[in-house]
Amino acid sequence: MQLGFIGTGEIASSIVTGLSSPGVTAHSIWLSPRNSAIANGLANRFRGISVASCNQEVLDHADTIVIAVRPSAARDVLAELRFRPDHRVISLVSALSLRSLSELVVPDVRIARAVSLPSTARRRSGG
């Protein structure tokens, strides 16, 4: 699986850490350069992680895209991107409805919403 993360804050970092832990099937992961300190830290810490030069490069290399930006930035960030019909999108942006998201990720792509917590880094649920 080719994963791409648009946004590299605490939640994205937790997910990538959990996916990169020993005993987890290796994935190829592309990270947004949005928070370069976190993105470069993850790339230096784990194998199979690349930091893209821009958000579009993340989409160009991945088939599953995780949108992990602040709600206030989501529309601006997504409006600049060109999605492919074969992309699968997982949105972590709680304040953006699936309908609004579908208007921003044209053409028609498969979209799901997820809620992630920092405990994801330890591969544990929030409970």
Protein backbone atom coordinates (compact mmCIF):
# COMPACT_ATOMS: atom_id res chain seq x y z
CA MET A 1 0.00 0.00 0.00
CA GLN A 2 1.21 3.48 -0.87
CA LEU A 3 0.04 5.86 1.88
CA GLY A 4 0.17 9.62 1.71
CA PHE A 5 -0.42 12.11 4.51
CA ILE A 6 -1.53 15.66 3.82
CA GLY A 7 -0.66 17.40 7.07
CA THR A 8 1.98 16.22 9.53
CA GLY A 9 0.88 17.23 12.98
CA GLU A 10 0.53 15.19 16.14
CA ILE A 11 -2.24 12.89 14.87
CA ALA A 12 -0.50 12.08 11.57
CA SER A 13 2.74 11.52 13.45
CA SER A 14 0.99 9.09 15.81
CA ILE A 15 -0.51 7.11 12.92
CA VAL A 16 2.79 6.93 11.04
CA THR A 17 4.59 5.86 14.21
CA GLY A 18 2.04 3.10 14.79
CA LEU A 19 2.27 1.93 11.18
CA SER A 20 6.06 1.91 11.34
CA SER A 21 6.36 -0.06 14.58
CA PRO A 22 8.01 -3.48 14.68
CA GLY A 23 5.61 -6.28 13.80
CA VAL A 24 3.52 -4.16 11.41
CA THR A 25 3.52 -4.87 7.68
CA ALA A 26 5.78 -2.34 6.00
CA HIS A 27 4.14 0.43 4.01
CA SER A 28 5.52 3.04 1.67
CA ILE A 29 4.57 6.37 3.24
CA TRP A 30 4.77 9.84 1.72
CA LEU A 31 4.50 12.82 4.05
CA SER A 32 3.46 16.37 3.39
CA PRO A 33 6.22 18.92 3.96
CA ARG A 34 3.69 21.03 5.87
CA ASN A 35 5.46 20.56 9.22
CA SER A 36 8.99 19.80 8.10
CA ALA A 37 10.35 19.16 11.60
CA ILE A 38 7.85 16.36 12.24
CA ALA A 39 8.01 15.00 8.67
CA ASN A 40 11.82 14.87 8.57
CA GLY A 41 11.94 13.44 12.08
CA LEU A 42 9.67 10.56 11.05
CA ALA A 43 11.63 9.96 7.83
CA ASN A 44 14.89 9.80 9.80
CA ARG A 45 13.39 7.51 12.43
CA PHE A 46 11.63 4.93 10.23
CA ARG A 47 12.32 3.12 6.96
CA GLY A 48 9.97 3.51 3.99
CA ILE A 49 9.04 7.13 4.69
CA SER A 50 9.63 9.95 2.23
CA VAL A 51 8.98 13.66 2.64
CA ALA A 52 7.46 15.18 -0.47
CA SER A 53 8.47 18.59 -1.79
CA CYS A 54 4.79 19.62 -1.97
CA ASN A 55 1.35 18.22 -1.20
CA GLN A 56 0.68 17.32 -4.84
CA GLU A 57 3.74 15.07 -4.83
CA VAL A 58 2.14 13.14 -1.95
CA LEU A 59 -0.91 12.47 -4.16
CA ASP A 60 1.27 11.57 -7.14
CA HIS A 61 3.00 8.78 -5.17
CA ALA A 62 0.18 7.41 -3.02
CA ASP A 63 -3.07 5.53 -3.60
CA THR A 64 -4.53 6.11 -0.13
CA ILE A 65 -4.49 9.69 1.09
CA VAL A 66 -4.96 10.62 4.75
CA ILE A 67 -6.09 14.22 5.18
CA ALA A 68 -4.84 15.43 8.54
CA VAL A 69 -4.89 19.22 8.40
CA ARG A 70 -6.56 21.70 10.72
CA PRO A 71 -10.20 22.36 9.80
CA SER A 72 -9.42 26.04 9.17
CA ALA A 73 -6.82 25.10 6.53
CA ALA A 74 -8.57 22.14 4.87
CA ARG A 75 -10.42 23.97 2.10
CA ASP A 76 -7.39 25.99 1.01
CA VAL A 77 -5.04 23.01 1.10
CA LEU A 78 -7.39 20.63 -0.75
CA ALA A 79 -8.42 23.18 -3.40
CA GLU A 80 -4.85 23.17 -4.74
CA LEU A 81 -4.66 19.38 -5.22
CA ARG A 82 -5.49 17.17 -8.20
CA PHE A 83 -6.89 13.83 -7.07
CA ARG A 84 -7.09 10.72 -9.28
CA PRO A 85 -10.25 8.61 -9.59
CA ASP A 86 -8.38 5.64 -8.05
CA HIS A 87 -7.42 7.52 -4.87
CA ARG A 88 -8.94 6.46 -1.57
CA VAL A 89 -9.27 9.30 0.92
CA ILE A 90 -9.44 9.05 4.69
CA SER A 91 -10.37 12.33 6.34
CA LEU A 92 -9.37 13.12 9.90
CA VAL A 93 -10.89 16.61 9.57
CA SER A 94 -13.93 16.38 11.83
CA ALA A 95 -15.30 19.83 10.97
CA LEU A 96 -15.53 19.05 7.24
CA SER A 97 -18.57 17.04 6.17
CA LEU A 98 -18.14 14.17 3.72
CA ARG A 99 -20.31 16.10 1.25
CA SER A 100 -18.06 19.17 1.46
CA LEU A 101 -14.99 16.97 1.22
CA SER A 102 -16.33 15.21 -1.88
CA GLU A 103 -16.64 18.61 -3.59
CA LEU A 104 -12.98 19.33 -2.85
CA VAL A 105 -11.46 16.01 -3.96
CA VAL A 106 -12.82 15.78 -7.49
CA PRO A 107 -12.98 13.62 -9.50
CA ASP A 108 -15.12 11.14 -7.62
CA VAL A 109 -12.95 9.22 -5.17
CA ARG A 110 -13.73 6.84 -2.33
CA ILE A 111 -13.88 8.77 0.95
CA ALA A 112 -14.08 7.64 4.57
CA ARG A 113 -13.89 9.52 7.84
CA ALA A 114 -11.77 8.37 10.74
CA VAL A 115 -11.04 9.56 14.25
CA SER A 116 -7.57 8.95 15.52
CA LEU A 117 -6.00 9.55 18.90
CA PRO A 118 -2.34 9.89 19.89
CA SER A 119 -2.52 6.39 21.39
CA THR A 120 -2.39 5.18 17.77
CA ALA A 121 1.39 5.49 18.01
CA ARG A 122 1.35 2.62 20.50
CA ARG A 123 -1.23 0.73 18.40
CA ARG A 124 -3.82 1.02 21.18
CA SER A 125 -7.37 2.23 21.07
CA GLY A 126 -8.35 5.30 23.05
CA GLY A 127 -10.20 3.15 25.61
